[in-house]
Structure formats: structure tokens, C-alpha cells
């Protein structure tokens, strides 16, 4: 378990959080700090979550763009077909 403690260099906008982390992730985060690839364990987890947010937003954007390109008539026909299959027709 990692307890993220307050670092006086942290901005006032950050919130304190206690999390339980798998041991291999704890070890990896600590190695990032020891090797100078992260300023702190908190920074390592912040960076990982920021990357996840970026990927999720990008993925949603790509799905939306593909949806905007879709032919509405074809989509309606496909949905009708799916609905019929679900209804057992």
C-alpha cells in the first residue's frame, strides 16, 4: 500500500488521496523515482492517470469522428437487423 503524503511543492489545486496499489506497480513507481524518471511516486501515478485520460479522450474522439462519417440509413438498417435478432425473429 502506498500512502501519498502532502509534498509542500505540490500546488494547492491537488488533493490528497490514499490508494492501495498492486505490489508490482508500487515497485515500478519506486524504481521510476530512484532512476530519476519520476519526481515522486505521486508524480508517477499522476502521469499514468493523465496518460489514461488522454487515451480515453482520444479514443472517444475517434469513435465520434467515425460515427459522424456513418451513413444514417445504413446504420438504421443494421440496428433494425440487430433488434430483430435480439427479438428472436
N, C-alpha and C. Protein backbone atom coordinates (compact mmCIF):
# COMPACT_ATOMS: atom_id res chain seq x y z
N UNK A 1 0.85 -1.18 0.00
CA UNK A 1 0.00 0.00 0.00
C UNK A 1 0.89 1.23 0.00
N UNK A 2 0.52 2.18 -0.83
CA UNK A 2 1.25 3.44 -0.89
C UNK A 2 0.34 4.50 -0.31
N UNK A 3 0.86 5.27 0.61
CA UNK A 3 0.11 6.40 1.13
C UNK A 3 0.78 7.64 0.56
N UNK A 4 0.03 8.35 -0.26
CA UNK A 4 0.56 9.56 -0.87
C UNK A 4 0.47 10.66 0.17
N UNK A 5 1.60 11.23 0.51
CA UNK A 5 1.61 12.28 1.53
C UNK A 5 1.76 13.64 0.87
N UNK A 6 1.42 14.65 1.60
CA UNK A 6 1.49 16.00 1.08
C UNK A 6 2.94 16.44 0.92
N UNK A 7 3.22 16.96 -0.24
CA UNK A 7 4.54 17.50 -0.54
C UNK A 7 4.35 19.01 -0.65
N UNK A 8 5.13 19.78 0.08
CA UNK A 8 4.96 21.23 0.09
C UNK A 8 5.15 21.85 -1.29
N UNK A 9 5.79 21.12 -2.21
CA UNK A 9 5.97 21.66 -3.56
C UNK A 9 4.73 21.45 -4.42
N UNK A 10 3.76 20.67 -3.90
CA UNK A 10 2.53 20.44 -4.66
C UNK A 10 1.68 21.69 -4.66
N UNK A 11 0.97 21.86 -5.74
CA UNK A 11 0.08 23.00 -5.87
C UNK A 11 -1.10 22.84 -4.92
N UNK A 12 -1.74 23.94 -4.56
CA UNK A 12 -2.93 23.90 -3.71
C UNK A 12 -4.10 23.25 -4.44
N UNK A 13 -4.02 23.14 -5.76
CA UNK A 13 -5.11 22.57 -6.54
C UNK A 13 -5.15 21.04 -6.45
N UNK A 14 -4.11 20.43 -5.97
CA UNK A 14 -4.08 18.97 -5.88
C UNK A 14 -4.77 18.52 -4.61
N UNK A 15 -5.33 17.32 -4.67
CA UNK A 15 -5.98 16.78 -3.49
C UNK A 15 -5.20 15.57 -2.99
N UNK A 16 -5.30 15.33 -1.72
CA UNK A 16 -4.61 14.20 -1.09
C UNK A 16 -5.47 12.96 -1.27
N UNK A 17 -4.82 11.84 -1.55
CA UNK A 17 -5.53 10.60 -1.81
C UNK A 17 -4.73 9.43 -1.28
N UNK A 18 -5.39 8.51 -0.63
CA UNK A 18 -4.74 7.28 -0.18
C UNK A 18 -5.25 6.17 -1.08
N UNK A 19 -4.32 5.43 -1.68
CA UNK A 19 -4.71 4.36 -2.60
C UNK A 19 -3.99 3.07 -2.23
N UNK A 20 -4.58 1.96 -2.62
CA UNK A 20 -3.95 0.66 -2.46
C UNK A 20 -3.54 0.21 -3.85
N UNK A 21 -2.28 -0.17 -3.99
CA UNK A 21 -1.72 -0.47 -5.31
C UNK A 21 -1.09 -1.85 -5.30
N UNK A 22 -1.20 -2.56 -6.41
CA UNK A 22 -0.55 -3.86 -6.52
C UNK A 22 0.95 -3.72 -6.28
N UNK A 23 1.55 -4.71 -5.62
CA UNK A 23 2.97 -4.62 -5.27
C UNK A 23 3.90 -4.38 -6.47
N UNK A 24 3.60 -4.98 -7.61
CA UNK A 24 4.48 -4.78 -8.77
C UNK A 24 4.40 -3.34 -9.28
N UNK A 25 3.24 -2.71 -9.15
CA UNK A 25 3.12 -1.31 -9.55
C UNK A 25 3.83 -0.39 -8.57
N UNK A 26 3.77 -0.75 -7.30
CA UNK A 26 4.49 0.02 -6.29
C UNK A 26 5.99 -0.03 -6.58
N UNK A 27 6.50 -1.22 -6.82
CA UNK A 27 7.92 -1.40 -7.12
C UNK A 27 8.32 -0.61 -8.35
N UNK A 28 7.49 -0.68 -9.39
CA UNK A 28 7.79 0.03 -10.64
C UNK A 28 7.84 1.55 -10.40
N UNK A 29 6.85 2.07 -9.68
CA UNK A 29 6.81 3.51 -9.41
C UNK A 29 8.03 3.94 -8.60
N UNK A 30 8.40 3.14 -7.62
CA UNK A 30 9.57 3.47 -6.81
C UNK A 30 10.85 3.43 -7.65
N UNK A 31 10.94 2.49 -8.58
CA UNK A 31 12.11 2.42 -9.47
C UNK A 31 12.16 3.63 -10.40
N UNK A 32 11.00 4.09 -10.85
CA UNK A 32 10.98 5.30 -11.67
C UNK A 32 11.57 6.49 -10.91
N UNK A 33 11.23 6.59 -9.63
CA UNK A 33 11.75 7.68 -8.79
C UNK A 33 13.26 7.51 -8.59
N UNK A 34 13.67 6.29 -8.23
CA UNK A 34 15.10 6.03 -7.99
C UNK A 34 15.96 6.30 -9.21
N UNK A 35 15.41 6.02 -10.41
CA UNK A 35 16.18 6.21 -11.64
C UNK A 35 16.07 7.63 -12.19
N UNK A 36 15.29 8.46 -11.52
CA UNK A 36 15.15 9.85 -11.96
C UNK A 36 14.13 10.05 -13.06
N UNK A 37 13.33 9.04 -13.37
CA UNK A 37 12.32 9.16 -14.42
C UNK A 37 11.00 9.71 -13.90
N UNK A 38 10.88 9.86 -12.59
CA UNK A 38 9.72 10.49 -11.97
C UNK A 38 10.20 11.25 -10.74
N UNK A 39 9.58 12.38 -10.49
CA UNK A 39 9.98 13.20 -9.35
C UNK A 39 9.57 12.56 -8.02
N UNK A 40 8.48 11.81 -8.06
CA UNK A 40 7.97 11.16 -6.85
C UNK A 40 7.03 10.04 -7.27
N UNK A 41 6.66 9.21 -6.31
CA UNK A 41 5.69 8.15 -6.60
C UNK A 41 4.36 8.80 -7.00
N UNK A 42 4.00 9.88 -6.33
CA UNK A 42 2.77 10.60 -6.69
C UNK A 42 2.84 11.09 -8.12
N UNK A 43 3.98 11.62 -8.51
CA UNK A 43 4.14 12.12 -9.88
C UNK A 43 4.02 10.98 -10.89
N UNK A 44 4.55 9.82 -10.54
CA UNK A 44 4.46 8.67 -11.44
C UNK A 44 3.01 8.26 -11.65
N UNK A 45 2.23 8.22 -10.57
CA UNK A 45 0.81 7.86 -10.70
C UNK A 45 0.02 8.96 -11.38
N UNK A 46 0.34 10.22 -11.11
CA UNK A 46 -0.33 11.33 -11.80
C UNK A 46 -0.09 11.23 -13.31
N UNK A 47 1.15 10.96 -13.68
CA UNK A 47 1.48 10.86 -15.11
C UNK A 47 0.74 9.69 -15.75
N UNK A 48 0.66 8.56 -15.06
CA UNK A 48 -0.04 7.39 -15.59
C UNK A 48 -1.52 7.70 -15.78
N UNK A 49 -2.14 8.35 -14.81
CA UNK A 49 -3.56 8.68 -14.94
C UNK A 49 -3.79 9.74 -16.01
N UNK A 50 -2.88 10.70 -16.13
CA UNK A 50 -3.01 11.72 -17.17
C UNK A 50 -2.94 11.07 -18.56
N UNK A 51 -2.05 10.09 -18.71
CA UNK A 51 -1.93 9.36 -19.97
C UNK A 51 -3.22 8.60 -20.26
N UNK A 52 -3.82 7.98 -19.25
CA UNK A 52 -5.07 7.24 -19.44
C UNK A 52 -6.19 8.20 -19.86
N UNK A 53 -6.27 9.34 -19.22
CA UNK A 53 -7.28 10.34 -19.59
C UNK A 53 -7.10 10.74 -21.05
N UNK A 54 -5.85 10.99 -21.45
CA UNK A 54 -5.56 11.37 -22.83
C UNK A 54 -6.01 10.29 -23.81
N UNK A 55 -5.65 9.03 -23.52
CA UNK A 55 -6.02 7.91 -24.41
C UNK A 55 -7.53 7.74 -24.50
N UNK A 56 -8.20 7.83 -23.34
CA UNK A 56 -9.66 7.67 -23.33
C UNK A 56 -10.34 8.78 -24.12
N UNK A 57 -9.90 10.01 -23.94
CA UNK A 57 -10.50 11.14 -24.69
C UNK A 57 -10.22 11.01 -26.18
N UNK A 58 -9.02 10.60 -26.52
CA UNK A 58 -8.67 10.42 -27.93
C UNK A 58 -9.53 9.31 -28.55
N UNK A 59 -9.68 8.21 -27.82
CA UNK A 59 -10.50 7.08 -28.31
C UNK A 59 -11.94 7.53 -28.54
N UNK A 60 -12.50 8.28 -27.56
CA UNK A 60 -13.87 8.78 -27.72
C UNK A 60 -13.97 9.71 -28.92
N UNK A 61 -12.96 10.53 -29.12
CA UNK A 61 -12.96 11.44 -30.26
C UNK A 61 -12.92 10.69 -31.59
N UNK A 62 -12.12 9.64 -31.64
CA UNK A 62 -12.04 8.83 -32.86
C UNK A 62 -13.37 8.14 -33.14
N UNK A 63 -13.99 7.60 -32.08
CA UNK A 63 -15.30 6.94 -32.25
C UNK A 63 -16.34 7.95 -32.73
N UNK A 64 -16.32 9.14 -32.17
CA UNK A 64 -17.28 10.17 -32.58
C UNK A 64 -17.05 10.55 -34.03
N UNK A 65 -15.80 10.71 -34.43
CA UNK A 65 -15.50 11.07 -35.82
C UNK A 65 -15.98 9.98 -36.77
N UNK A 66 -15.76 8.72 -36.41
CA UNK A 66 -16.24 7.62 -37.25
C UNK A 66 -17.76 7.61 -37.31
N UNK A 67 -18.39 7.87 -36.18
CA UNK A 67 -19.85 7.92 -36.14
C UNK A 67 -20.41 9.03 -37.00
N UNK A 68 -19.71 10.17 -37.01
CA UNK A 68 -20.15 11.30 -37.84
C UNK A 68 -20.04 10.98 -39.33
N UNK A 69 -19.13 10.05 -39.68
CA UNK A 69 -18.95 9.66 -41.09
C UNK A 69 -19.96 8.60 -41.54
N UNK A 70 -20.65 7.98 -40.59
CA UNK A 70 -21.52 6.85 -40.90
C UNK A 70 -22.74 7.29 -41.71
N UNK A 71 -23.20 6.39 -42.57
CA UNK A 71 -24.41 6.60 -43.36
C UNK A 71 -25.61 6.30 -42.45
N UNK A 72 -26.42 7.32 -42.11
CA UNK A 72 -27.54 7.11 -41.18
C UNK A 72 -28.51 6.02 -41.64
N UNK A 73 -28.77 5.93 -42.94
CA UNK A 73 -29.68 4.91 -43.45
C UNK A 73 -29.14 3.51 -43.22
N UNK A 74 -27.86 3.34 -43.48
CA UNK A 74 -27.24 2.03 -43.27
C UNK A 74 -27.25 1.65 -41.80
N UNK A 75 -26.92 2.63 -40.95
CA UNK A 75 -26.93 2.37 -39.51
C UNK A 75 -28.33 1.96 -39.06
N UNK A 76 -29.36 2.64 -39.55
CA UNK A 76 -30.74 2.31 -39.17
C UNK A 76 -31.09 0.89 -39.61
N UNK A 77 -30.67 0.51 -40.83
CA UNK A 77 -30.94 -0.86 -41.30
C UNK A 77 -30.22 -1.89 -40.44
N UNK A 78 -28.99 -1.60 -40.09
CA UNK A 78 -28.23 -2.53 -39.25
C UNK A 78 -28.86 -2.66 -37.87
N UNK A 79 -29.29 -1.54 -37.29
CA UNK A 79 -29.92 -1.58 -35.97
C UNK A 79 -31.24 -2.35 -36.02
N UNK A 80 -32.00 -2.20 -37.10
CA UNK A 80 -33.24 -2.96 -37.27
C UNK A 80 -32.93 -4.44 -37.30
N UNK A 81 -31.88 -4.81 -38.03
CA UNK A 81 -31.46 -6.21 -38.12
C UNK A 81 -31.06 -6.75 -36.75
N UNK A 82 -30.29 -5.98 -36.01
CA UNK A 82 -29.86 -6.39 -34.68
C UNK A 82 -31.07 -6.54 -33.76
N UNK A 83 -31.97 -5.55 -33.80
CA UNK A 83 -33.17 -5.61 -32.96
C UNK A 83 -33.99 -6.87 -33.26
N UNK A 84 -34.11 -7.22 -34.53
CA UNK A 84 -34.85 -8.42 -34.90
C UNK A 84 -34.16 -9.68 -34.37
N UNK A 85 -32.85 -9.72 -34.45
CA UNK A 85 -32.13 -10.86 -33.92
C UNK A 85 -32.33 -10.98 -32.42
N UNK A 86 -32.30 -9.87 -31.72
CA UNK A 86 -32.47 -9.88 -30.27
C UNK A 86 -33.90 -10.30 -29.89
N UNK A 87 -34.85 -9.96 -30.76
CA UNK A 87 -36.24 -10.33 -30.50
C UNK A 87 -36.53 -11.79 -30.88
N UNK A 88 -35.56 -12.45 -31.50
CA UNK A 88 -35.72 -13.85 -31.86
C UNK A 88 -36.45 -14.06 -33.18
N UNK A 89 -36.51 -13.06 -33.99
CA UNK A 89 -37.19 -13.19 -35.30
C UNK A 89 -36.32 -13.88 -36.31
